[in-house]
């Protein structure tokens, strides 16, 4: 569940940057503001893709760990 929460945090951050870019585009007409808005949108895309990559990487490691733990628990236990 922590992995999903982290992905949602990345999504919230990206959404915040998209909202910031929208505000900049809506209320400022200066060229430097347009550049700043474009940087915010690019940052939002980067953060979201990074979050998805991180989520998949951690999920893969969790699955590998879980499958190796399951195999170990199916082995018979010797009692002396």
PDB file of N, CA and C in Angstrom:
ATOM      1  N   UNK A   1       0.808  -1.201   0.000  1.00  0.00           N
ATOM      2  CA  UNK A   1       0.000   0.000   0.000  1.00  0.00           C
ATOM      3  C   UNK A   1       0.853   1.267   0.000  1.00  0.00           C
ATOM      4  N   UNK A   2       2.021   1.188   0.585  1.00  0.00           N
ATOM      5  CA  UNK A   2       2.886   2.364   0.602  1.00  0.00           C
ATOM      6  C   UNK A   2       3.291   2.750  -0.813  1.00  0.00           C
ATOM      7  N   UNK A   3       3.471   1.757  -1.674  1.00  0.00           N
ATOM      8  CA  UNK A   3       3.850   2.020  -3.052  1.00  0.00           C
ATOM      9  C   UNK A   3       2.747   2.797  -3.776  1.00  0.00           C
ATOM     10  N   UNK A   4       1.498   2.412  -3.541  1.00  0.00           N
ATOM     11  CA  UNK A   4       0.376   3.108  -4.173  1.00  0.00           C
ATOM     12  C   UNK A   4       0.248   4.544  -3.646  1.00  0.00           C
ATOM     13  N   UNK A   5       0.465   4.710  -2.349  1.00  0.00           N
ATOM     14  CA  UNK A   5       0.400   6.066  -1.776  1.00  0.00           C
ATOM     15  C   UNK A   5       1.483   6.961  -2.366  1.00  0.00           C
ATOM     16  N   UNK A   6       2.662   6.381  -2.576  1.00  0.00           N
ATOM     17  CA  UNK A   6       3.750   7.162  -3.166  1.00  0.00           C
ATOM     18  C   UNK A   6       3.404   7.568  -4.594  1.00  0.00           C
ATOM     19  N   UNK A   7       2.817   6.661  -5.360  1.00  0.00           N
ATOM     20  CA  UNK A   7       2.403   6.991  -6.722  1.00  0.00           C
ATOM     21  C   UNK A   7       1.364   8.110  -6.701  1.00  0.00           C
ATOM     22  N   UNK A   8       0.418   8.036  -5.775  1.00  0.00           N
ATOM     23  CA  UNK A   8      -0.591   9.096  -5.665  1.00  0.00           C
ATOM     24  C   UNK A   8       0.039  10.430  -5.276  1.00  0.00           C
ATOM     25  N   UNK A   9       1.076  10.399  -4.457  1.00  0.00           N
ATOM     26  CA  UNK A   9       1.780  11.633  -4.088  1.00  0.00           C
ATOM     27  C   UNK A   9       2.465  12.253  -5.303  1.00  0.00           C
ATOM     28  N   UNK A  10       3.084  11.393  -6.134  1.00  0.00           N
ATOM     29  CA  UNK A  10       3.666  11.905  -7.382  1.00  0.00           C
ATOM     30  C   UNK A  10       2.579  12.524  -8.260  1.00  0.00           C
ATOM     31  N   UNK A  11       1.438  11.870  -8.347  1.00  0.00           N
ATOM     32  CA  UNK A  11       0.326  12.391  -9.148  1.00  0.00           C
ATOM     33  C   UNK A  11      -0.188  13.723  -8.628  1.00  0.00           C
ATOM     34  N   UNK A  12      -0.303  13.841  -7.295  1.00  0.00           N
ATOM     35  CA  UNK A  12      -0.748  15.107  -6.704  1.00  0.00           C
ATOM     36  C   UNK A  12       0.230  16.233  -7.004  1.00  0.00           C
ATOM     37  N   UNK A  13       1.521  15.930  -6.911  1.00  0.00           N
ATOM     38  CA  UNK A  13       2.532  16.941  -7.197  1.00  0.00           C
ATOM     39  C   UNK A  13       2.466  17.370  -8.656  1.00  0.00           C
ATOM     40  N   UNK A  14       2.325  16.404  -9.547  1.00  0.00           N
ATOM     41  CA  UNK A  14       2.225  16.724 -10.975  1.00  0.00           C
ATOM     42  C   UNK A  14       0.971  17.548 -11.250  1.00  0.00           C
ATOM     43  N   UNK A  15      -0.139  17.192 -10.621  1.00  0.00           N
ATOM     44  CA  UNK A  15      -1.373  17.942 -10.804  1.00  0.00           C
ATOM     45  C   UNK A  15      -1.237  19.372 -10.287  1.00  0.00           C
ATOM     46  N   UNK A  16      -0.532  19.537  -9.192  1.00  0.00           N
ATOM     47  CA  UNK A  16      -0.273  20.877  -8.670  1.00  0.00           C
ATOM     48  C   UNK A  16       0.537  21.718  -9.646  1.00  0.00           C
ATOM     49  N   UNK A  17       1.524  21.102 -10.281  1.00  0.00           N
ATOM     50  CA  UNK A  17       2.316  21.842 -11.273  1.00  0.00           C
ATOM     51  C   UNK A  17       1.486  22.182 -12.510  1.00  0.00           C
ATOM     52  N   UNK A  18       0.587  21.293 -12.902  1.00  0.00           N
ATOM     53  CA  UNK A  18      -0.297  21.585 -14.038  1.00  0.00           C
ATOM     54  C   UNK A  18      -1.212  22.758 -13.690  1.00  0.00           C
ATOM     55  N   UNK A  19      -1.731  22.763 -12.465  1.00  0.00           N
ATOM     56  CA  UNK A  19      -2.587  23.881 -12.027  1.00  0.00           C
ATOM     57  C   UNK A  19      -1.794  25.191 -12.006  1.00  0.00           C
ATOM     58  N   UNK A  20      -0.556  25.126 -11.532  1.00  0.00           N
ATOM     59  CA  UNK A  20       0.297  26.313 -11.535  1.00  0.00           C
ATOM     60  C   UNK A  20       0.525  26.812 -12.956  1.00  0.00           C
ATOM     61  N   UNK A  21       0.799  25.910 -13.869  1.00  0.00           N
ATOM     62  CA  UNK A  21       1.009  26.294 -15.264  1.00  0.00           C
ATOM     63  C   UNK A  21      -0.257  26.908 -15.856  1.00  0.00           C
ATOM     64  N   UNK A  22      -1.422  26.347 -15.527  1.00  0.00           N
ATOM     65  CA  UNK A  22      -2.678  26.898 -16.036  1.00  0.00           C
ATOM     66  C   UNK A  22      -2.905  28.318 -15.527  1.00  0.00           C
ATOM     67  N   UNK A  23      -2.604  28.537 -14.256  1.00  0.00           N
ATOM     68  CA  UNK A  23      -2.761  29.888 -13.693  1.00  0.00           C
ATOM     69  C   UNK A  23      -1.804  30.857 -14.368  1.00  0.00           C
ATOM     70  N   UNK A  24      -0.576  30.421 -14.572  1.00  0.00           N
ATOM     71  CA  UNK A  24       0.411  31.286 -15.233  1.00  0.00           C
ATOM     72  C   UNK A  24      -0.052  31.612 -16.653  1.00  0.00           C
ATOM     73  N   UNK A  25      -0.511  30.608 -17.398  1.00  0.00           N
ATOM     74  CA  UNK A  25      -0.972  30.847 -18.768  1.00  0.00           C
ATOM     75  C   UNK A  25      -2.207  31.741 -18.804  1.00  0.00           C
ATOM     76  N   UNK A  26      -3.088  31.596 -17.827  1.00  0.00           N
ATOM     77  CA  UNK A  26      -4.363  32.329 -17.833  1.00  0.00           C
ATOM     78  C   UNK A  26      -4.179  33.809 -17.496  1.00  0.00           C
ATOM     79  N   UNK A  27      -3.342  34.095 -16.494  1.00  0.00           N
ATOM     80  CA  UNK A  27      -3.305  35.452 -15.968  1.00  0.00           C
ATOM     81  C   UNK A  27      -2.068  36.255 -16.346  1.00  0.00           C
ATOM     82  N   UNK A  28      -1.117  35.661 -17.019  1.00  0.00           N
ATOM     83  CA  UNK A  28       0.088  36.402 -17.393  1.00  0.00           C
ATOM     84  C   UNK A  28       0.322  36.254 -18.889  1.00  0.00           C
ATOM     85  N   UNK A  29       0.594  37.364 -19.529  1.00  0.00           N
ATOM     86  CA  UNK A  29       0.825  37.348 -20.971  1.00  0.00           C
ATOM     87  C   UNK A  29       2.268  37.669 -21.349  1.00  0.00           C
ATOM     88  N   UNK A  30       3.122  37.737 -20.390  1.00  0.00           N
ATOM     89  CA  UNK A  30       4.512  38.061 -20.682  1.00  0.00           C
ATOM     90  C   UNK A  30       5.214  36.794 -21.209  1.00  0.00           C
ATOM     91  N   UNK A  31       6.195  37.007 -22.036  1.00  0.00           N
ATOM     92  CA  UNK A  31       6.914  35.880 -22.633  1.00  0.00           C
ATOM     93  C   UNK A  31       7.605  35.050 -21.552  1.00  0.00           C
ATOM     94  N   UNK A  32       8.184  35.711 -20.564  1.00  0.00           N
ATOM     95  CA  UNK A  32       8.876  34.966 -19.509  1.00  0.00           C
ATOM     96  C   UNK A  32       7.887  34.117 -18.698  1.00  0.00           C
ATOM     97  N   UNK A  33       6.654  34.572 -18.551  1.00  0.00           N
ATOM     98  CA  UNK A  33       5.635  33.784 -17.852  1.00  0.00           C
ATOM     99  C   UNK A  33       5.250  32.562 -18.677  1.00  0.00           C
ATOM    100  N   UNK A  34       5.196  32.708 -19.981  1.00  0.00           N
ATOM    101  CA  UNK A  34       4.901  31.566 -20.841  1.00  0.00           C
ATOM    102  C   UNK A  34       6.007  30.521 -20.760  1.00  0.00           C
ATOM    103  N   UNK A  35       7.236  30.981 -20.681  1.00  0.00           N
ATOM    104  CA  UNK A  35       8.358  30.057 -20.526  1.00  0.00           C
ATOM    105  C   UNK A  35       8.266  29.348 -19.186  1.00  0.00           C
ATOM    106  N   UNK A  36       7.937  30.097 -18.131  1.00  0.00           N
ATOM    107  CA  UNK A  36       7.792  29.514 -16.800  1.00  0.00           C
ATOM    108  C   UNK A  36       6.656  28.487 -16.766  1.00  0.00           C
ATOM    109  N   UNK A  37       5.549  28.803 -17.426  1.00  0.00           N
ATOM    110  CA  UNK A  37       4.442  27.859 -17.510  1.00  0.00           C
ATOM    111  C   UNK A  37       4.817  26.593 -18.258  1.00  0.00           C
ATOM    112  N   UNK A  38       5.577  26.754 -19.323  1.00  0.00           N
ATOM    113  CA  UNK A  38       6.036  25.587 -20.091  1.00  0.00           C
ATOM    114  C   UNK A  38       6.986  24.725 -19.268  1.00  0.00           C
ATOM    115  N   UNK A  39       7.819  25.361 -18.472  1.00  0.00           N
ATOM    116  CA  UNK A  39       8.718  24.614 -17.594  1.00  0.00           C
ATOM    117  C   UNK A  39       7.910  23.852 -16.543  1.00  0.00           C
ATOM    118  N   UNK A  40       6.866  24.480 -16.015  1.00  0.00           N
ATOM    119  CA  UNK A  40       6.017  23.810 -15.029  1.00  0.00           C
ATOM    120  C   UNK A  40       5.313  22.603 -15.638  1.00  0.00           C
ATOM    121  N   UNK A  41       4.817  22.735 -16.865  1.00  0.00           N
ATOM    122  CA  UNK A  41       4.178  21.593 -17.532  1.00  0.00           C
ATOM    123  C   UNK A  41       5.170  20.473 -17.810  1.00  0.00           C
ATOM    124  N   UNK A  42       6.348  20.834 -18.249  1.00  0.00           N
ATOM    125  CA  UNK A  42       7.381  19.835 -18.499  1.00  0.00           C
ATOM    126  C   UNK A  42       7.763  19.122 -17.201  1.00  0.00           C
ATOM    127  N   UNK A  43       7.875  19.899 -16.133  1.00  0.00           N
ATOM    128  CA  UNK A  43       8.178  19.306 -14.825  1.00  0.00           C
ATOM    129  C   UNK A  43       7.081  18.361 -14.369  1.00  0.00           C
ATOM    130  N   UNK A  44       5.825  18.725 -14.619  1.00  0.00           N
ATOM    131  CA  UNK A  44       4.700  17.859 -14.245  1.00  0.00           C
ATOM    132  C   UNK A  44       4.763  16.535 -14.998  1.00  0.00           C
ATOM    133  N   UNK A  45       5.038  16.601 -16.281  1.00  0.00           N
ATOM    134  CA  UNK A  45       5.160  15.365 -17.067  1.00  0.00           C
ATOM    135  C   UNK A  45       6.316  14.502 -16.566  1.00  0.00           C
ATOM    136  N   UNK A  46       7.439  15.137 -16.293  1.00  0.00           N
ATOM    137  CA  UNK A  46       8.609  14.403 -15.803  1.00  0.00           C
ATOM    138  C   UNK A  46       8.300  13.738 -14.465  1.00  0.00           C
ATOM    139  N   UNK A  47       7.679  14.471 -13.549  1.00  0.00           N
ATOM    140  CA  UNK A  47       7.362  13.919 -12.230  1.00  0.00           C
ATOM    141  C   UNK A  47       6.393  12.751 -12.360  1.00  0.00           C
ATOM    142  N   UNK A  48       5.393  12.867 -13.216  1.00  0.00           N
ATOM    143  CA  UNK A  48       4.428  11.778 -13.356  1.00  0.00           C
ATOM    144  C   UNK A  48       5.082  10.531 -13.963  1.00  0.00           C
ATOM    145  N   UNK A  49       5.902  10.716 -14.997  1.00  0.00           N
ATOM    146  CA  UNK A  49       6.586   9.572 -15.588  1.00  0.00           C
ATOM    147  C   UNK A  49       7.572   8.949 -14.599  1.00  0.00           C
ATOM    148  N   UNK A  50       8.256   9.779 -13.821  1.00  0.00           N
ATOM    149  CA  UNK A  50       9.180   9.268 -12.814  1.00  0.00           C
ATOM    150  C   UNK A  50       8.410   8.476 -11.754  1.00  0.00           C
ATOM    151  N   UNK A  51       7.254   8.981 -11.349  1.00  0.00           N
ATOM    152  CA  UNK A  51       6.433   8.277 -10.366  1.00  0.00           C
ATOM    153  C   UNK A  51       5.960   6.930 -10.868  1.00  0.00           C
ATOM    154  N   UNK A  52       5.534   6.873 -12.118  1.00  0.00           N
ATOM    155  CA  UNK A  52       5.089   5.603 -12.707  1.00  0.00           C
ATOM    156  C   UNK A  52       6.257   4.626 -12.800  1.00  0.00           C
ATOM    157  N   UNK A  53       7.410   5.126 -13.220  1.00  0.00           N
ATOM    158  CA  UNK A  53       8.602   4.270 -13.308  1.00  0.00           C
ATOM    159  C   UNK A  53       8.972   3.731 -11.924  1.00  0.00           C
ATOM    160  N   UNK A  54       8.960   4.590 -10.934  1.00  0.00           N
ATOM    161  CA  UNK A  54       9.291   4.184  -9.566  1.00  0.00           C
ATOM    162  C   UNK A  54       8.290   3.157  -9.051  1.00  0.00           C
ATOM    163  N   UNK A  55       7.015   3.387  -9.315  1.00  0.00           N
ATOM    164  CA  UNK A  55       5.968   2.462  -8.876  1.00  0.00           C
ATOM    165  C   UNK A  55       6.176   1.073  -9.483  1.00  0.00           C
ATOM    166  N   UNK A  56       6.410   1.031 -10.779  1.00  0.00           N
ATOM    167  CA  UNK A  56       6.605  -0.263 -11.450  1.00  0.00           C
ATOM    168  C   UNK A  56       7.858  -0.972 -10.957  1.00  0.00           C
ATOM    169  N   UNK A  57       8.916  -0.210 -10.716  1.00  0.00           N
ATOM    170  CA  UNK A  57      10.162  -0.796 -10.235  1.00  0.00           C
ATOM    171  C   UNK A  57       9.970  -1.414  -8.854  1.00  0.00           C
ATOM    172  N   UNK A  58       9.346  -0.678  -7.954  1.00  0.00           N
ATOM    173  CA  UNK A  58       9.128  -1.189  -6.602  1.00  0.00           C
ATOM    174  C   UNK A  58       8.135  -2.354  -6.627  1.00  0.00           C
ATOM    175  N   UNK A  59       7.095  -2.265  -7.435  1.00  0.00           N
ATOM    176  CA  UNK A  59       6.123  -3.360  -7.523  1.00  0.00           C
ATOM    177  C   UNK A  59       6.790  -4.635  -8.023  1.00  0.00           C
ATOM    178  N   UNK A  60       7.697  -4.503  -8.969  1.00  0.00           N
ATOM    179  CA  UNK A  60       8.417  -5.659  -9.485  1.00  0.00           C
ATOM    180  C   UNK A  60       9.282  -6.285  -8.394  1.00  0.00           C
ATOM    181  N   UNK A  61       9.980  -5.447  -7.630  1.00  0.00           N
ATOM    182  CA  UNK A  61      10.807  -5.971  -6.546  1.00  0.00           C
ATOM    183  C   UNK A  61       9.956  -6.628  -5.459  1.00  0.00           C
ATOM    184  N   UNK A  62       8.798  -6.062  -5.178  1.00  0.00           N
ATOM    185  CA  UNK A  62       7.905  -6.658  -4.182  1.00  0.00           C
ATOM    186  C   UNK A  62       7.417  -8.012  -4.671  1.00  0.00           C
ATOM    187  N   UNK A  63       7.027  -8.094  -5.946  1.00  0.00           N
ATOM    188  CA  UNK A  63       6.563  -9.368  -6.505  1.00  0.00           C
ATOM    189  C   UNK A  63       7.655 -10.431  -6.462  1.00  0.00           C
ATOM    190  N   UNK A  64       8.878 -10.038  -6.795  1.00  0.00           N
ATOM    191  CA  UNK A  64       9.991 -10.989  -6.751  1.00  0.00           C
ATOM    192  C   UNK A  64      10.246 -11.461  -5.323  1.00  0.00           C
ATOM    193  N   UNK A  65      10.189 -10.551  -4.390  1.00  0.00           N
ATOM    194  CA  UNK A  65      10.401 -10.901  -2.990  1.00  0.00           C
ATOM    195  C   UNK A  65       9.295 -11.808  -2.487  1.00  0.00           C
ATOM    196  N   UNK A  66       8.070 -11.505  -2.856  1.00  0.00           N
ATOM    197  CA  UNK A  66       6.933 -12.308  -2.420  1.00  0.00           C
ATOM    198  C   UNK A  66       6.997 -13.715  -3.006  1.00  0.00           C
ATOM    199  N   UNK A  67       7.368 -13.819  -4.277  1.00  0.00           N
ATOM    200  CA  UNK A  67       7.417 -15.142  -4.896  1.00  0.00           C
ATOM    201  C   UNK A  67       8.538 -15.993  -4.302  1.00  0.00           C
ATOM    202  N   UNK A  68       9.665 -15.396  -3.945  1.00  0.00           N
ATOM    203  CA  UNK A  68      10.733 -16.177  -3.331  1.00  0.00           C
ATOM    204  C   UNK A  68      10.368 -16.568  -1.904  1.00  0.00           C
ATOM    205  N   UNK A  69       9.638 -15.728  -1.171  1.00  0.00           N
ATOM    206  CA  UNK A  69       9.180 -16.075   0.177  1.00  0.00           C
ATOM    207  C   UNK A  69       8.162 -17.202   0.127  1.00  0.00           C
ATOM    208  N   UNK A  70       7.288 -17.184  -0.870  1.00  0.00           N
ATOM    209  CA  UNK A  70       6.267 -18.213  -1.001  1.00  0.00           C
ATOM    210  C   UNK A  70       6.906 -19.560  -1.284  1.00  0.00           C
ATOM    211  N   UNK A  71       7.914 -19.582  -2.130  1.00  0.00           N
ATOM    212  CA  UNK A  71       8.579 -20.845  -2.453  1.00  0.00           C
ATOM    213  C   UNK A  71       9.273 -21.416  -1.227  1.00  0.00           C
ATOM    214  N   UNK A  72       9.859 -20.557  -0.420  1.00  0.00           N
ATOM    215  CA  UNK A  72      10.541 -21.035   0.772  1.00  0.00           C
ATOM    216  C   UNK A  72       9.544 -21.606   1.786  1.00  0.00           C
ATOM    217  N   UNK A  73       8.369 -21.032   1.881  1.00  0.00           N
ATOM    218  CA  UNK A  73       7.415 -21.496   2.868  1.00  0.00           C
ATOM    219  C   UNK A  73       6.760 -22.808   2.469  1.00  0.00           C
ATOM    220  N   UNK A  74       6.856 -23.211   1.202  1.00  0.00           N
ATOM    221  CA  UNK A  74       6.264 -24.464   0.767  1.00  0.00           C
ATOM    222  C   UNK A  74       7.184 -25.654   0.989  1.00  0.00           C
ATOM    223  N   UNK A  75       8.430 -25.411   1.353  1.00  0.00           N
ATOM    224  CA  UNK A  75       9.344 -26.513   1.620  1.00  0.00           C
ATOM    225  C   UNK A  75       8.942 -27.221   2.910  1.00  0.00           C
ATOM    226  N   UNK A  76       9.103 -28.546   2.944  1.00  0.00           N
ATOM    227  CA  UNK A  76       8.745 -29.271   4.165  1.00  0.00           C
ATOM    228  C   UNK A  76       9.673 -28.925   5.315  1.00  0.00           C
ATOM    229  N   UNK A  77       9.151 -28.929   6.516  1.00  0.00           N
ATOM    230  CA  UNK A  77       9.938 -28.626   7.702  1.00  0.00           C
ATOM    231  C   UNK A  77      10.335 -29.942   8.373  1.00  0.00           C
ATOM    232  N   UNK A  78      11.613 -30.075   8.661  1.00  0.00           N
ATOM    233  CA  UNK A  78      12.092 -31.267   9.333  1.00  0.00           C
ATOM    234  C   UNK A  78      12.032 -31.063  10.836  1.00  0.00           C
ATOM    235  N   UNK A  79      11.443 -32.036  11.533  1.00  0.00           N
ATOM    236  CA  UNK A  79      11.364 -31.963  12.993  1.00  0.00           C
ATOM    237  C   UNK A  79      12.230 -33.071  13.563  1.00  0.00           C
ATOM    238  N   UNK A  80      13.157 -32.720  14.424  1.00  0.00           N
ATOM    239  CA  UNK A  80      14.062 -33.716  15.032  1.00  0.00           C
ATOM    240  C   UNK A  80      13.463 -34.282  16.292  1.00  0.00           C
TER     241      UNK A  80
END
